[in-house]
Amino acid sequence: MQNVKKRLQDGFKQPRQDLVLCSVCKGRAVVKGVFYELVCTDCNGSGWVIEGSRLVLPLEELVTQLSFKLQQAQKQIEALKRPAKAVGPQRQYQVSNRLGAGATNYTGD
């Protein structure tokens, strides 16, 4: 028998589409009418269109694509919140090595 390795097919993955702000409403989802604001018809009231083609996504797909965009933004926020790890000589001053008098930090200065 042949040993076949199972793998996830591309058909099971949801394709990621690059979204850009609607050029008509500038991402606000509404345009100014004479007396009140109207829903933007170019982006179907979402404020987002597909990059390059400027096509409108159906609502079911738009929710998924916006969720992908939100997850990506949250990852970037978390990465920026983490403190940067010191490298090189400054690392001695930030991490206690307990080699000094009374188990304090010894830097060799």
N, C-alpha and C. Protein backbone atom coordinates (compact mmCIF):
# COMPACT_ATOMS: atom_id res chain seq x y z
N MET A 1 0.83 -1.18 0.00
CA MET A 1 0.00 0.00 0.00
C MET A 1 0.87 1.24 0.00
N GLN A 2 0.32 2.26 -0.59
CA GLN A 2 1.03 3.51 -0.68
C GLN A 2 0.70 4.38 0.54
N ASN A 3 1.72 4.99 1.11
CA ASN A 3 1.52 5.87 2.26
C ASN A 3 1.21 7.27 1.73
N VAL A 4 -0.04 7.67 1.84
CA VAL A 4 -0.48 8.96 1.33
C VAL A 4 -0.61 9.93 2.51
N LYS A 5 0.08 11.03 2.38
CA LYS A 5 0.04 12.04 3.43
C LYS A 5 -1.17 12.95 3.20
N LYS A 6 -2.02 13.06 4.21
CA LYS A 6 -3.19 13.92 4.10
C LYS A 6 -2.78 15.37 4.31
N ARG A 7 -3.38 16.24 3.52
CA ARG A 7 -3.10 17.66 3.68
C ARG A 7 -4.38 18.44 3.41
N LEU A 8 -4.40 19.63 3.93
CA LEU A 8 -5.56 20.49 3.76
C LEU A 8 -5.56 21.03 2.33
N GLN A 9 -6.63 20.80 1.63
CA GLN A 9 -6.76 21.27 0.26
C GLN A 9 -7.09 22.76 0.24
N ASP A 10 -6.69 23.42 -0.83
CA ASP A 10 -6.97 24.85 -0.94
C ASP A 10 -8.46 25.13 -1.02
N GLY A 11 -9.26 24.16 -1.43
CA GLY A 11 -10.70 24.34 -1.53
C GLY A 11 -11.37 24.53 -0.18
N PHE A 12 -10.70 24.14 0.89
CA PHE A 12 -11.28 24.26 2.21
C PHE A 12 -10.91 25.57 2.90
N LYS A 13 -10.00 26.33 2.31
CA LYS A 13 -9.57 27.60 2.91
C LYS A 13 -10.41 28.74 2.33
N GLN A 14 -10.74 29.66 3.18
CA GLN A 14 -11.45 30.85 2.73
C GLN A 14 -10.42 31.81 2.13
N PRO A 15 -10.58 32.22 0.88
CA PRO A 15 -9.59 33.12 0.27
C PRO A 15 -9.63 34.50 0.92
N ARG A 16 -8.44 35.06 1.14
CA ARG A 16 -8.33 36.42 1.70
C ARG A 16 -8.35 37.41 0.53
N GLN A 17 -9.16 38.43 0.65
CA GLN A 17 -9.23 39.46 -0.38
C GLN A 17 -8.81 40.79 0.24
N ASP A 18 -8.03 41.53 -0.51
CA ASP A 18 -7.60 42.84 -0.03
C ASP A 18 -8.74 43.83 -0.18
N LEU A 19 -9.09 44.47 0.92
CA LEU A 19 -10.17 45.45 0.92
C LEU A 19 -9.57 46.85 1.06
N VAL A 20 -10.18 47.80 0.39
CA VAL A 20 -9.79 49.21 0.51
C VAL A 20 -11.04 50.03 0.78
N LEU A 21 -10.84 51.22 1.29
CA LEU A 21 -11.97 52.10 1.57
C LEU A 21 -12.64 52.52 0.27
N CYS A 22 -13.93 52.65 0.32
CA CYS A 22 -14.71 53.09 -0.83
C CYS A 22 -14.31 54.52 -1.19
N SER A 23 -14.08 54.76 -2.47
CA SER A 23 -13.64 56.09 -2.90
C SER A 23 -14.77 57.11 -2.90
N VAL A 24 -16.01 56.66 -2.94
CA VAL A 24 -17.14 57.59 -2.97
C VAL A 24 -17.46 58.11 -1.56
N CYS A 25 -17.61 57.20 -0.61
CA CYS A 25 -17.99 57.62 0.75
C CYS A 25 -16.79 57.72 1.69
N LYS A 26 -15.60 57.38 1.21
CA LYS A 26 -14.36 57.44 2.01
C LYS A 26 -14.42 56.56 3.26
N GLY A 27 -15.13 55.41 3.16
CA GLY A 27 -15.21 54.47 4.26
C GLY A 27 -16.27 54.79 5.29
N ARG A 28 -17.07 55.80 5.09
CA ARG A 28 -18.09 56.19 6.06
C ARG A 28 -19.39 55.42 5.89
N ALA A 29 -19.60 54.78 4.74
CA ALA A 29 -20.78 53.97 4.43
C ALA A 29 -22.01 54.81 4.09
N VAL A 30 -21.93 56.12 4.24
CA VAL A 30 -23.03 57.01 3.88
C VAL A 30 -22.49 58.19 3.08
N VAL A 31 -23.36 58.74 2.25
CA VAL A 31 -23.01 59.95 1.50
C VAL A 31 -24.00 61.04 1.87
N LYS A 32 -23.56 62.26 1.74
CA LYS A 32 -24.41 63.38 2.14
C LYS A 32 -25.44 63.66 1.05
N GLY A 33 -26.69 63.61 1.43
CA GLY A 33 -27.77 63.98 0.52
C GLY A 33 -28.12 65.44 0.72
N VAL A 34 -29.21 65.87 0.13
CA VAL A 34 -29.63 67.26 0.25
C VAL A 34 -30.08 67.57 1.68
N PHE A 35 -30.91 66.67 2.25
CA PHE A 35 -31.43 66.92 3.59
C PHE A 35 -30.92 65.94 4.64
N TYR A 36 -30.48 64.77 4.23
CA TYR A 36 -30.02 63.76 5.19
C TYR A 36 -29.01 62.84 4.51
N GLU A 37 -28.38 61.99 5.29
CA GLU A 37 -27.37 61.09 4.76
C GLU A 37 -28.04 59.87 4.12
N LEU A 38 -27.49 59.42 3.00
CA LEU A 38 -27.98 58.26 2.27
C LEU A 38 -26.95 57.15 2.30
N VAL A 39 -27.41 55.92 2.23
CA VAL A 39 -26.51 54.77 2.19
C VAL A 39 -25.75 54.81 0.87
N CYS A 40 -24.45 54.62 0.93
CA CYS A 40 -23.61 54.64 -0.27
C CYS A 40 -23.94 53.41 -1.14
N THR A 41 -24.28 53.65 -2.39
CA THR A 41 -24.64 52.54 -3.27
C THR A 41 -23.41 51.90 -3.91
N ASP A 42 -22.27 52.59 -3.93
CA ASP A 42 -21.07 52.02 -4.54
C ASP A 42 -20.46 50.92 -3.69
N CYS A 43 -20.61 51.00 -2.38
CA CYS A 43 -20.05 49.96 -1.50
C CYS A 43 -21.13 49.19 -0.76
N ASN A 44 -22.37 49.41 -1.11
CA ASN A 44 -23.51 48.72 -0.47
C ASN A 44 -23.61 49.05 1.01
N GLY A 45 -23.17 50.22 1.39
CA GLY A 45 -23.29 50.67 2.77
C GLY A 45 -22.28 50.06 3.72
N SER A 46 -21.19 49.50 3.21
CA SER A 46 -20.19 48.90 4.09
C SER A 46 -18.96 49.78 4.27
N GLY A 47 -18.65 50.60 3.27
CA GLY A 47 -17.46 51.42 3.33
C GLY A 47 -16.23 50.73 2.77
N TRP A 48 -16.35 49.47 2.34
CA TRP A 48 -15.22 48.68 1.83
C TRP A 48 -15.54 48.11 0.46
N VAL A 49 -14.54 48.08 -0.41
CA VAL A 49 -14.64 47.44 -1.72
C VAL A 49 -13.38 46.62 -1.95
N ILE A 50 -13.43 45.72 -2.95
CA ILE A 50 -12.27 44.88 -3.27
C ILE A 50 -11.22 45.74 -3.96
N GLU A 51 -9.99 45.62 -3.52
CA GLU A 51 -8.90 46.42 -4.10
C GLU A 51 -8.70 46.08 -5.57
N GLY A 52 -8.47 47.08 -6.37
CA GLY A 52 -8.23 46.89 -7.79
C GLY A 52 -9.49 46.90 -8.62
N SER A 53 -10.43 46.01 -8.33
CA SER A 53 -11.64 45.91 -9.15
C SER A 53 -12.76 46.83 -8.67
N ARG A 54 -12.70 47.28 -7.42
CA ARG A 54 -13.73 48.13 -6.82
C ARG A 54 -15.10 47.46 -6.81
N LEU A 55 -15.11 46.12 -6.77
CA LEU A 55 -16.38 45.39 -6.70
C LEU A 55 -16.88 45.37 -5.27
N VAL A 56 -18.19 45.24 -5.13
CA VAL A 56 -18.83 45.16 -3.82
C VAL A 56 -18.95 43.70 -3.43
N LEU A 57 -18.62 43.37 -2.20
CA LEU A 57 -18.75 42.01 -1.70
C LEU A 57 -20.18 41.77 -1.21
N PRO A 58 -20.67 40.53 -1.37
CA PRO A 58 -21.96 40.20 -0.74
C PRO A 58 -21.80 40.26 0.78
N LEU A 59 -22.89 40.52 1.48
CA LEU A 59 -22.81 40.73 2.93
C LEU A 59 -22.22 39.54 3.68
N GLU A 60 -22.54 38.30 3.26
CA GLU A 60 -22.02 37.12 3.95
C GLU A 60 -20.50 37.05 3.84
N GLU A 61 -19.97 37.37 2.66
CA GLU A 61 -18.53 37.34 2.47
C GLU A 61 -17.85 38.55 3.11
N LEU A 62 -18.54 39.68 3.11
CA LEU A 62 -17.98 40.88 3.70
C LEU A 62 -17.71 40.70 5.19
N VAL A 63 -18.62 40.04 5.88
CA VAL A 63 -18.44 39.79 7.32
C VAL A 63 -17.18 38.96 7.56
N THR A 64 -16.98 37.94 6.74
CA THR A 64 -15.80 37.09 6.89
C THR A 64 -14.52 37.87 6.60
N GLN A 65 -14.50 38.64 5.52
CA GLN A 65 -13.31 39.39 5.15
C GLN A 65 -12.98 40.48 6.19
N LEU A 66 -13.99 41.11 6.74
CA LEU A 66 -13.75 42.11 7.78
C LEU A 66 -13.24 41.46 9.06
N SER A 67 -13.70 40.24 9.34
CA SER A 67 -13.18 39.51 10.49
C SER A 67 -11.70 39.20 10.31
N PHE A 68 -11.30 38.80 9.11
CA PHE A 68 -9.88 38.56 8.83
C PHE A 68 -9.07 39.84 9.04
N LYS A 69 -9.61 40.96 8.57
CA LYS A 69 -8.92 42.25 8.69
C LYS A 69 -8.80 42.65 10.16
N LEU A 70 -9.85 42.41 10.93
CA LEU A 70 -9.84 42.73 12.36
C LEU A 70 -8.83 41.86 13.11
N GLN A 71 -8.78 40.58 12.79
CA GLN A 71 -7.81 39.69 13.44
C GLN A 71 -6.38 40.12 13.15
N GLN A 72 -6.12 40.53 11.92
CA GLN A 72 -4.79 40.99 11.54
C GLN A 72 -4.43 42.26 12.32
N ALA A 73 -5.38 43.18 12.46
CA ALA A 73 -5.13 44.41 13.20
C ALA A 73 -4.89 44.13 14.68
N GLN A 74 -5.63 43.17 15.25
CA GLN A 74 -5.44 42.82 16.65
C GLN A 74 -4.07 42.20 16.89
N LYS A 75 -3.58 41.40 15.94
CA LYS A 75 -2.23 40.83 16.06
C LYS A 75 -1.19 41.93 16.04
N GLN A 76 -1.37 42.93 15.19
CA GLN A 76 -0.42 44.04 15.13
C GLN A 76 -0.43 44.85 16.41
N ILE A 77 -1.61 45.06 16.99
CA ILE A 77 -1.73 45.80 18.25
C ILE A 77 -1.03 45.05 19.36
N GLU A 78 -1.25 43.73 19.44
CA GLU A 78 -0.60 42.93 20.48
C GLU A 78 0.91 42.93 20.33
N ALA A 79 1.39 42.89 19.09
CA ALA A 79 2.84 42.92 18.85
C ALA A 79 3.43 44.25 19.30
N LEU A 80 2.69 45.34 19.11
CA LEU A 80 3.19 46.65 19.53
C LEU A 80 3.12 46.84 21.04
N LYS A 81 2.21 46.14 21.71
CA LYS A 81 2.08 46.25 23.16
C LYS A 81 3.21 45.52 23.89
N ARG A 82 3.73 44.45 23.29
CA ARG A 82 4.80 43.69 23.94
C ARG A 82 6.06 44.55 24.04
N PRO A 83 6.71 44.55 25.21
CA PRO A 83 7.93 45.34 25.33
C PRO A 83 9.05 44.73 24.48
N ALA A 84 9.86 45.60 23.92
CA ALA A 84 10.98 45.13 23.10
C ALA A 84 12.04 44.53 24.00
N LYS A 85 12.57 43.39 23.59
CA LYS A 85 13.62 42.74 24.38
C LYS A 85 14.94 43.41 24.08
N ALA A 86 15.68 43.70 25.14
CA ALA A 86 16.96 44.35 24.99
C ALA A 86 17.99 43.34 24.48
N VAL A 87 18.84 43.80 23.60
CA VAL A 87 19.92 42.96 23.09
C VAL A 87 21.22 43.72 23.26
N GLY A 88 22.28 42.97 23.31
CA GLY A 88 23.60 43.60 23.43
C GLY A 88 23.91 44.02 24.85
N PRO A 89 24.76 45.04 25.01
CA PRO A 89 25.22 45.46 26.34
C PRO A 89 24.11 45.98 27.25
N GLN A 90 23.06 46.59 26.70
CA GLN A 90 22.00 47.12 27.57
C GLN A 90 21.21 46.02 28.26
N ARG A 91 21.32 44.79 27.79
CA ARG A 91 20.59 43.69 28.41
C ARG A 91 21.07 43.46 29.85
N GLN A 92 22.36 43.69 30.11
CA GLN A 92 22.91 43.51 31.46
C GLN A 92 22.21 44.39 32.48
N TYR A 93 21.80 45.56 32.05
CA TYR A 93 21.23 46.52 32.98
C TYR A 93 19.74 46.30 33.23
N GLN A 94 19.09 45.55 32.37
CA GLN A 94 17.66 45.35 32.52
C GLN A 94 17.29 44.01 33.14
N VAL A 95 18.17 43.03 33.06
CA VAL A 95 17.89 41.70 33.58
C VAL A 95 18.78 41.46 34.79
N SER A 96 18.19 41.11 35.90
CA SER A 96 18.96 40.86 37.12
C SER A 96 19.67 39.52 37.02
N ASN A 97 20.99 39.53 37.27
CA ASN A 97 21.75 38.28 37.24
C ASN A 97 22.10 37.79 38.65
N ARG A 98 21.77 38.55 39.69
CA ARG A 98 21.95 38.19 41.09
C ARG A 98 23.40 37.84 41.43
N LEU A 99 24.36 38.45 40.76
CA LEU A 99 25.77 38.19 41.04
C LEU A 99 26.42 39.28 41.89
N GLY A 100 25.73 40.33 42.21
CA GLY A 100 26.27 41.43 42.99
C GLY A 100 26.10 41.20 44.48
N ALA A 101 26.55 42.17 45.27
CA ALA A 101 26.42 42.07 46.73
C ALA A 101 24.96 42.02 47.12
N GLY A 102 24.62 41.08 47.97
CA GLY A 102 23.25 40.92 48.43
C GLY A 102 22.33 40.45 47.29
N ALA A 103 22.87 39.71 46.35
CA ALA A 103 22.15 39.15 45.21
C ALA A 103 21.52 40.24 44.34
N THR A 104 22.23 41.37 44.20
CA THR A 104 21.76 42.43 43.31
C THR A 104 22.37 42.23 41.94
N ASN A 105 22.05 43.09 41.04
CA ASN A 105 22.53 42.98 39.66
C ASN A 105 23.98 43.44 39.60
N TYR A 106 24.85 42.63 39.01
CA TYR A 106 26.25 42.98 38.81
C TYR A 106 26.48 43.20 37.32
N THR A 107 26.98 44.39 36.97
CA THR A 107 27.20 44.70 35.57
C THR A 107 28.67 44.76 35.21
N GLY A 108 29.54 44.78 36.16
CA GLY A 108 30.96 44.82 35.90
C GLY A 108 31.51 46.20 35.69
N ASP A 109 30.73 47.23 35.96
CA ASP A 109 31.20 48.61 35.77
C ASP A 109 32.15 49.00 36.86
